[in-house]
N, C-alpha and C. Protein backbone atom coordinates (compact mmCIF):
# COMPACT_ATOMS: atom_id res chain seq x y z
N UNK A 1 2.60 8.20 17.04
CA UNK A 1 2.53 6.82 17.41
C UNK A 1 3.85 6.50 18.11
N UNK A 2 3.81 5.73 19.13
CA UNK A 2 4.93 5.32 19.91
C UNK A 2 5.55 4.08 19.29
N UNK A 3 6.90 3.98 19.29
CA UNK A 3 7.61 2.86 18.70
C UNK A 3 7.22 1.56 19.41
N UNK A 4 6.96 1.61 20.70
CA UNK A 4 6.59 0.44 21.44
C UNK A 4 5.24 -0.13 20.98
N UNK A 5 4.31 0.77 20.65
CA UNK A 5 3.03 0.33 20.08
C UNK A 5 3.21 -0.37 18.73
N UNK A 6 4.10 0.16 17.93
CA UNK A 6 4.40 -0.44 16.61
C UNK A 6 4.98 -1.82 16.82
N UNK A 7 5.97 -1.93 17.69
CA UNK A 7 6.60 -3.15 17.96
C UNK A 7 5.59 -4.20 18.44
N UNK A 8 4.70 -3.80 19.33
CA UNK A 8 3.67 -4.71 19.86
C UNK A 8 2.74 -5.24 18.76
N UNK A 9 2.39 -4.35 17.82
CA UNK A 9 1.54 -4.76 16.69
C UNK A 9 2.25 -5.80 15.82
N UNK A 10 3.52 -5.55 15.57
CA UNK A 10 4.30 -6.49 14.73
C UNK A 10 4.41 -7.82 15.43
N UNK A 11 4.72 -7.81 16.74
CA UNK A 11 4.88 -9.04 17.47
C UNK A 11 3.59 -9.85 17.66
N UNK A 12 2.48 -9.14 17.66
CA UNK A 12 1.17 -9.84 17.86
C UNK A 12 0.48 -10.26 16.59
N UNK A 13 1.03 -9.96 15.41
CA UNK A 13 0.42 -10.25 14.15
C UNK A 13 1.39 -11.07 13.34
N UNK A 14 0.93 -12.25 12.90
CA UNK A 14 1.80 -13.13 12.05
C UNK A 14 2.17 -12.40 10.79
N UNK A 15 3.43 -12.49 10.43
CA UNK A 15 3.95 -11.91 9.18
C UNK A 15 3.76 -10.40 9.02
N UNK A 16 3.59 -9.71 10.14
CA UNK A 16 3.53 -8.26 10.08
C UNK A 16 4.98 -7.76 9.98
N UNK A 17 5.14 -6.56 9.55
CA UNK A 17 6.47 -5.98 9.43
C UNK A 17 6.40 -4.46 9.53
N UNK A 18 7.50 -3.84 9.95
CA UNK A 18 7.60 -2.39 10.02
C UNK A 18 8.88 -1.96 9.35
N UNK A 19 8.74 -1.00 8.41
CA UNK A 19 9.87 -0.47 7.68
C UNK A 19 10.01 1.02 7.99
N UNK A 20 11.07 1.34 8.74
CA UNK A 20 11.29 2.69 9.19
C UNK A 20 12.20 3.44 8.27
N UNK A 21 11.83 4.68 7.96
CA UNK A 21 12.71 5.56 7.20
C UNK A 21 13.15 6.68 8.12
N UNK A 22 14.46 6.86 8.34
CA UNK A 22 14.91 7.90 9.28
C UNK A 22 14.45 9.30 8.83
N UNK A 23 14.27 10.09 9.86
CA UNK A 23 13.76 11.49 9.63
C UNK A 23 14.77 12.40 9.00
N UNK A 24 16.00 11.98 8.83
CA UNK A 24 16.98 12.83 8.17
C UNK A 24 16.66 13.04 6.67
N UNK A 25 15.74 12.23 6.14
CA UNK A 25 15.36 12.40 4.75
C UNK A 25 14.19 13.29 4.56
N UNK A 26 14.00 14.25 5.42
CA UNK A 26 12.93 15.23 5.23
C UNK A 26 11.57 14.69 5.53
N UNK A 27 10.69 14.70 4.54
CA UNK A 27 9.30 14.25 4.73
C UNK A 27 9.24 12.76 4.59
N UNK A 28 9.99 12.05 5.42
CA UNK A 28 10.11 10.58 5.32
C UNK A 28 8.85 9.87 5.83
N UNK A 29 8.57 8.76 5.23
CA UNK A 29 7.42 7.92 5.60
C UNK A 29 7.91 6.55 6.00
N UNK A 30 7.26 5.96 6.99
CA UNK A 30 7.55 4.58 7.42
C UNK A 30 6.26 3.81 7.17
N UNK A 31 6.42 2.48 7.14
CA UNK A 31 5.24 1.66 6.77
C UNK A 31 5.12 0.46 7.68
N UNK A 32 3.89 0.26 8.15
CA UNK A 32 3.54 -0.84 8.99
C UNK A 32 2.63 -1.78 8.23
N UNK A 33 3.12 -3.00 7.93
CA UNK A 33 2.39 -3.99 7.16
C UNK A 33 1.67 -4.96 8.09
N UNK A 34 0.36 -5.05 7.97
CA UNK A 34 -0.42 -5.92 8.83
C UNK A 34 -1.29 -6.86 7.98
N UNK A 35 -1.53 -8.04 8.45
CA UNK A 35 -2.49 -9.01 7.82
C UNK A 35 -2.19 -9.27 6.34
N UNK A 36 -1.20 -10.06 6.02
CA UNK A 36 -0.92 -10.35 4.62
C UNK A 36 -2.09 -11.14 4.01
N UNK A 37 -2.36 -10.84 2.79
CA UNK A 37 -3.41 -11.53 2.01
C UNK A 37 -2.90 -12.79 1.30
N UNK A 38 -1.64 -12.67 0.88
CA UNK A 38 -1.03 -13.78 0.09
C UNK A 38 0.40 -13.95 0.54
N UNK A 39 0.80 -15.24 0.57
CA UNK A 39 2.21 -15.56 0.89
C UNK A 39 2.69 -16.52 -0.21
N UNK A 40 3.87 -16.27 -0.75
CA UNK A 40 4.45 -17.13 -1.74
C UNK A 40 5.83 -17.53 -1.21
N UNK A 41 6.06 -18.86 -1.10
CA UNK A 41 7.35 -19.36 -0.64
C UNK A 41 8.01 -20.09 -1.79
N UNK A 42 9.31 -19.82 -1.92
CA UNK A 42 10.14 -20.52 -2.95
C UNK A 42 11.22 -21.29 -2.26
N UNK A 43 11.24 -22.56 -2.50
CA UNK A 43 12.26 -23.40 -1.86
C UNK A 43 13.06 -24.29 -2.87
N UNK A 44 12.62 -24.22 -4.16
CA UNK A 44 13.33 -25.05 -5.14
C UNK A 44 13.04 -24.44 -6.53
N UNK A 45 13.67 -25.05 -7.52
CA UNK A 45 13.44 -24.64 -8.93
C UNK A 45 12.06 -25.01 -9.45
N UNK A 46 11.51 -26.03 -8.79
CA UNK A 46 10.21 -26.53 -9.26
C UNK A 46 9.12 -25.45 -9.07
N UNK A 47 8.52 -25.10 -10.18
CA UNK A 47 7.47 -24.11 -10.17
C UNK A 47 7.94 -22.67 -10.02
N UNK A 48 9.26 -22.47 -10.12
CA UNK A 48 9.78 -21.09 -9.90
C UNK A 48 9.21 -20.09 -10.85
N UNK A 49 9.14 -20.44 -12.15
CA UNK A 49 8.60 -19.49 -13.13
C UNK A 49 7.12 -19.15 -12.81
N UNK A 50 6.38 -20.17 -12.45
CA UNK A 50 4.96 -19.93 -12.10
C UNK A 50 4.79 -19.02 -10.88
N UNK A 51 5.68 -19.21 -9.90
CA UNK A 51 5.60 -18.37 -8.70
C UNK A 51 5.99 -16.94 -9.03
N UNK A 52 7.02 -16.76 -9.87
CA UNK A 52 7.46 -15.41 -10.24
C UNK A 52 6.37 -14.73 -11.07
N UNK A 53 5.71 -15.50 -11.94
CA UNK A 53 4.56 -14.92 -12.67
C UNK A 53 3.44 -14.53 -11.74
N UNK A 54 3.15 -15.34 -10.71
CA UNK A 54 2.12 -15.04 -9.76
C UNK A 54 2.45 -13.77 -8.99
N UNK A 55 3.73 -13.53 -8.67
CA UNK A 55 4.16 -12.34 -7.98
C UNK A 55 3.92 -11.13 -8.87
N UNK A 56 4.26 -11.24 -10.15
CA UNK A 56 3.98 -10.14 -11.12
C UNK A 56 2.50 -9.83 -11.18
N UNK A 57 1.66 -10.85 -11.18
CA UNK A 57 0.24 -10.68 -11.22
C UNK A 57 -0.33 -9.98 -10.01
N UNK A 58 0.18 -10.34 -8.82
CA UNK A 58 -0.24 -9.65 -7.59
C UNK A 58 0.10 -8.18 -7.61
N UNK A 59 1.31 -7.89 -8.06
CA UNK A 59 1.75 -6.49 -8.11
C UNK A 59 0.88 -5.73 -9.08
N UNK A 60 0.60 -6.27 -10.27
CA UNK A 60 -0.24 -5.65 -11.27
C UNK A 60 -1.70 -5.43 -10.72
N UNK A 61 -2.11 -6.24 -9.83
CA UNK A 61 -3.43 -6.14 -9.23
C UNK A 61 -3.49 -5.22 -8.01
N UNK A 62 -2.36 -4.50 -7.75
CA UNK A 62 -2.38 -3.51 -6.71
C UNK A 62 -1.91 -3.95 -5.33
N UNK A 63 -1.49 -5.16 -5.21
CA UNK A 63 -0.94 -5.58 -3.89
C UNK A 63 0.44 -5.03 -3.74
N UNK A 64 0.80 -4.82 -2.50
CA UNK A 64 2.16 -4.33 -2.13
C UNK A 64 2.68 -5.35 -1.12
N UNK A 65 3.99 -5.33 -0.98
CA UNK A 65 4.58 -6.28 -0.05
C UNK A 65 6.04 -6.17 0.14
N UNK A 66 6.57 -7.22 0.70
CA UNK A 66 8.02 -7.27 0.94
C UNK A 66 8.44 -8.74 0.79
N UNK A 67 9.73 -8.94 0.73
CA UNK A 67 10.31 -10.26 0.62
C UNK A 67 11.43 -10.50 1.59
N UNK A 68 11.54 -11.73 2.03
CA UNK A 68 12.66 -12.15 2.85
C UNK A 68 13.44 -13.16 2.00
N UNK A 69 14.73 -12.93 1.91
CA UNK A 69 15.55 -13.83 1.07
C UNK A 69 16.75 -14.34 1.90
N UNK A 70 16.85 -15.66 1.95
CA UNK A 70 17.99 -16.28 2.58
C UNK A 70 19.24 -16.06 1.70
N UNK A 71 20.36 -16.08 2.28
CA UNK A 71 21.59 -15.97 1.50
C UNK A 71 21.63 -17.05 0.42
N UNK A 72 21.21 -18.24 0.80
CA UNK A 72 21.26 -19.40 -0.11
C UNK A 72 20.28 -19.28 -1.30
N UNK A 73 19.42 -18.26 -1.30
CA UNK A 73 18.49 -18.13 -2.43
C UNK A 73 19.26 -17.91 -3.75
N UNK A 74 20.51 -17.49 -3.65
CA UNK A 74 21.31 -17.32 -4.84
C UNK A 74 21.54 -18.63 -5.55
N UNK A 75 21.38 -19.79 -4.89
CA UNK A 75 21.49 -21.06 -5.51
C UNK A 75 20.43 -21.22 -6.64
N UNK A 76 19.30 -20.57 -6.49
CA UNK A 76 18.24 -20.67 -7.48
C UNK A 76 18.63 -20.06 -8.81
N UNK A 77 19.49 -19.04 -8.72
CA UNK A 77 19.74 -18.22 -9.90
C UNK A 77 21.12 -18.46 -10.54
N UNK A 78 21.90 -19.31 -9.94
CA UNK A 78 23.22 -19.66 -10.46
C UNK A 78 23.27 -21.14 -10.76
N UNK A 79 23.28 -21.50 -12.02
CA UNK A 79 23.18 -22.90 -12.44
C UNK A 79 24.21 -23.80 -11.78
N UNK A 80 25.43 -23.29 -11.59
CA UNK A 80 26.47 -24.14 -11.00
C UNK A 80 26.20 -24.45 -9.54
N UNK A 81 25.30 -23.68 -8.92
CA UNK A 81 24.97 -23.94 -7.51
C UNK A 81 23.67 -24.71 -7.28
N UNK A 82 22.99 -25.06 -8.34
CA UNK A 82 21.70 -25.81 -8.22
C UNK A 82 21.92 -27.08 -7.41
N UNK A 83 23.10 -27.66 -7.47
CA UNK A 83 23.37 -28.94 -6.74
C UNK A 83 23.25 -28.78 -5.24
N UNK A 84 23.28 -27.54 -4.72
CA UNK A 84 23.16 -27.31 -3.33
C UNK A 84 21.72 -27.09 -2.84
N UNK A 85 20.78 -27.04 -3.76
CA UNK A 85 19.37 -26.87 -3.40
C UNK A 85 18.83 -28.12 -2.77
N UNK A 86 18.27 -27.99 -1.57
CA UNK A 86 17.73 -29.19 -0.88
C UNK A 86 16.23 -29.23 -0.97
N UNK A 87 15.57 -28.09 -1.21
CA UNK A 87 14.09 -28.05 -1.29
C UNK A 87 13.44 -28.10 0.07
N UNK A 88 14.25 -28.14 1.13
CA UNK A 88 13.70 -28.31 2.50
C UNK A 88 13.40 -26.97 3.19
N UNK A 89 14.06 -25.92 2.77
CA UNK A 89 13.87 -24.67 3.44
C UNK A 89 13.34 -23.59 2.52
N UNK A 90 12.58 -22.66 3.04
CA UNK A 90 12.09 -21.56 2.24
C UNK A 90 13.25 -20.61 1.98
N UNK A 91 13.67 -20.51 0.77
CA UNK A 91 14.78 -19.63 0.40
C UNK A 91 14.25 -18.20 0.26
N UNK A 92 13.09 -18.03 -0.31
CA UNK A 92 12.53 -16.71 -0.53
C UNK A 92 11.08 -16.76 -0.13
N UNK A 93 10.62 -15.80 0.62
CA UNK A 93 9.24 -15.66 1.03
C UNK A 93 8.75 -14.25 0.63
N UNK A 94 7.64 -14.23 -0.01
CA UNK A 94 6.98 -12.96 -0.37
C UNK A 94 5.70 -12.85 0.40
N UNK A 95 5.46 -11.66 0.98
CA UNK A 95 4.21 -11.39 1.68
C UNK A 95 3.52 -10.23 0.95
N UNK A 96 2.27 -10.43 0.60
CA UNK A 96 1.55 -9.39 -0.14
C UNK A 96 0.33 -8.89 0.68
N UNK A 97 0.09 -7.57 0.60
CA UNK A 97 -0.91 -6.94 1.38
C UNK A 97 -1.81 -6.04 0.55
N UNK A 98 -3.07 -6.01 0.92
CA UNK A 98 -3.99 -5.02 0.34
C UNK A 98 -3.55 -3.68 0.96
N UNK A 99 -3.64 -2.61 0.22
CA UNK A 99 -3.21 -1.31 0.71
C UNK A 99 -3.95 -0.90 2.00
N UNK A 100 -5.14 -1.38 2.22
CA UNK A 100 -5.89 -1.04 3.44
C UNK A 100 -5.21 -1.63 4.66
N UNK A 101 -4.34 -2.63 4.47
CA UNK A 101 -3.63 -3.27 5.57
C UNK A 101 -2.19 -2.76 5.71
N UNK A 102 -1.93 -1.66 5.06
CA UNK A 102 -0.59 -1.04 5.19
C UNK A 102 -0.80 0.39 5.74
N UNK A 103 -0.17 0.66 6.84
CA UNK A 103 -0.35 1.96 7.51
C UNK A 103 0.90 2.80 7.19
N UNK A 104 0.64 3.93 6.55
CA UNK A 104 1.72 4.88 6.26
C UNK A 104 1.84 5.82 7.41
N UNK A 105 3.02 5.99 7.97
CA UNK A 105 3.23 6.82 9.17
C UNK A 105 4.31 7.84 8.87
N UNK A 106 4.02 9.08 9.17
CA UNK A 106 4.99 10.13 9.06
C UNK A 106 6.12 9.86 10.05
N UNK A 107 7.33 9.55 9.56
CA UNK A 107 8.43 9.19 10.44
C UNK A 107 8.72 10.23 11.56
N UNK A 108 8.47 11.49 11.22
CA UNK A 108 8.69 12.52 12.22
C UNK A 108 7.73 12.47 13.40
N UNK A 109 6.62 11.74 13.24
CA UNK A 109 5.63 11.63 14.27
C UNK A 109 5.77 10.34 15.15
N UNK A 110 6.78 9.57 14.86
CA UNK A 110 6.98 8.35 15.65
C UNK A 110 7.82 8.74 16.85
N UNK A 111 7.27 8.47 17.98
CA UNK A 111 7.95 8.70 19.27
C UNK A 111 8.84 7.48 19.51
N UNK A 112 10.14 7.67 19.46
CA UNK A 112 11.07 6.58 19.53
C UNK A 112 11.34 6.08 20.96
N UNK A 113 11.29 6.99 21.96
CA UNK A 113 11.55 6.57 23.31
C UNK A 113 11.00 7.53 24.30
N UNK A 114 10.51 7.02 25.41
CA UNK A 114 10.08 7.84 26.52
C UNK A 114 11.15 7.91 27.62
N UNK A 115 12.19 7.12 27.42
CA UNK A 115 13.20 6.95 28.47
C UNK A 115 14.37 7.90 28.21
N UNK A 116 14.48 8.91 28.99
CA UNK A 116 15.55 9.95 28.83
C UNK A 116 16.94 9.34 28.95
N UNK A 117 17.14 8.23 29.66
CA UNK A 117 18.54 7.70 29.82
C UNK A 117 19.05 7.15 28.50
N UNK A 118 18.19 6.93 27.52
CA UNK A 118 18.62 6.41 26.22
C UNK A 118 18.62 7.51 25.15
N UNK A 119 18.47 8.72 25.55
CA UNK A 119 18.39 9.81 24.56
C UNK A 119 19.76 10.09 23.98
N UNK A 120 19.77 10.32 22.67
CA UNK A 120 21.03 10.65 21.96
C UNK A 120 21.08 12.17 21.75
N UNK A 121 22.14 12.76 22.23
CA UNK A 121 22.32 14.22 22.07
C UNK A 121 23.39 14.50 21.03
N UNK A 122 23.21 15.61 20.34
CA UNK A 122 24.22 16.09 19.37
C UNK A 122 24.64 15.06 18.32
N UNK A 123 23.67 14.31 17.84
CA UNK A 123 23.89 13.28 16.82
C UNK A 123 24.24 13.97 15.48
N UNK A 124 25.32 13.54 14.84
CA UNK A 124 25.73 14.14 13.59
C UNK A 124 26.13 13.00 12.63
N UNK A 125 25.65 13.12 11.40
CA UNK A 125 26.02 12.15 10.37
C UNK A 125 27.41 12.47 9.85
N UNK A 126 28.13 11.43 9.43
CA UNK A 126 29.44 11.70 8.92
C UNK A 126 29.51 11.69 7.38
N UNK A 127 28.30 11.55 6.73
CA UNK A 127 28.22 11.62 5.30
C UNK A 127 27.00 12.51 4.92
N UNK A 128 27.06 13.04 3.74
CA UNK A 128 25.92 13.84 3.24
C UNK A 128 24.91 12.84 2.64
N UNK A 129 23.73 13.30 2.37
CA UNK A 129 22.67 12.47 1.73
C UNK A 129 23.19 11.97 0.41
N UNK A 130 23.82 12.86 -0.35
CA UNK A 130 24.33 12.47 -1.68
C UNK A 130 25.46 11.38 -1.55
N UNK A 131 26.35 11.55 -0.62
CA UNK A 131 27.41 10.58 -0.42
C UNK A 131 26.81 9.19 -0.03
N UNK A 132 25.78 9.23 0.84
CA UNK A 132 25.11 8.02 1.26
C UNK A 132 24.52 7.27 0.08
N UNK A 133 23.79 7.99 -0.78
CA UNK A 133 23.09 7.38 -1.92
C UNK A 133 24.15 6.94 -2.95
N UNK A 134 25.20 7.67 -3.13
CA UNK A 134 26.31 7.24 -4.02
C UNK A 134 26.94 5.95 -3.55
N UNK A 135 27.08 5.80 -2.24
CA UNK A 135 27.67 4.55 -1.68
C UNK A 135 26.72 3.41 -1.96
N UNK A 136 25.44 3.63 -1.80
CA UNK A 136 24.45 2.57 -2.06
C UNK A 136 24.49 2.16 -3.52
N UNK A 137 24.61 3.11 -4.40
CA UNK A 137 24.64 2.84 -5.86
C UNK A 137 25.91 1.97 -6.17
N UNK A 138 27.01 2.17 -5.46
CA UNK A 138 28.22 1.34 -5.71
C UNK A 138 27.92 -0.13 -5.33
N UNK A 139 27.16 -0.32 -4.26
CA UNK A 139 26.82 -1.67 -3.86
C UNK A 139 25.90 -2.33 -4.82
N UNK A 140 24.86 -1.63 -5.24
CA UNK A 140 23.85 -2.18 -6.11
C UNK A 140 24.30 -2.40 -7.53
N UNK A 141 25.13 -1.50 -8.02
CA UNK A 141 25.51 -1.61 -9.45
C UNK A 141 26.71 -2.44 -9.68
């Protein structure tokens, strides 16, 4: 599949998304999410527990998805910052898909460019896979 085809599908479908996994990770898979079945938006503390429970329910029922979180979504989870919540913007959005609407693509089979003038030659990473994951663990933990 050509990257331009993927981009066109994402641009022409509301709330579609593409998650690419680089080929340096061996048998890497990328995912194209099309036609969300459910959308949950969180913009205030009102109904937050109910929405989080609904998200758990969707996952238990086999839906998969992704979330977009604004930086300000942290206001929801830190009591001292609740005063900054306006309720006017979607702080967190969840999009859920039936597995039939998620296309798994072998990353090695994605044609990234047909244009030779943008080709990268002799690309070398400056960290090992282990160093990369260790760095991510430092951020997350």
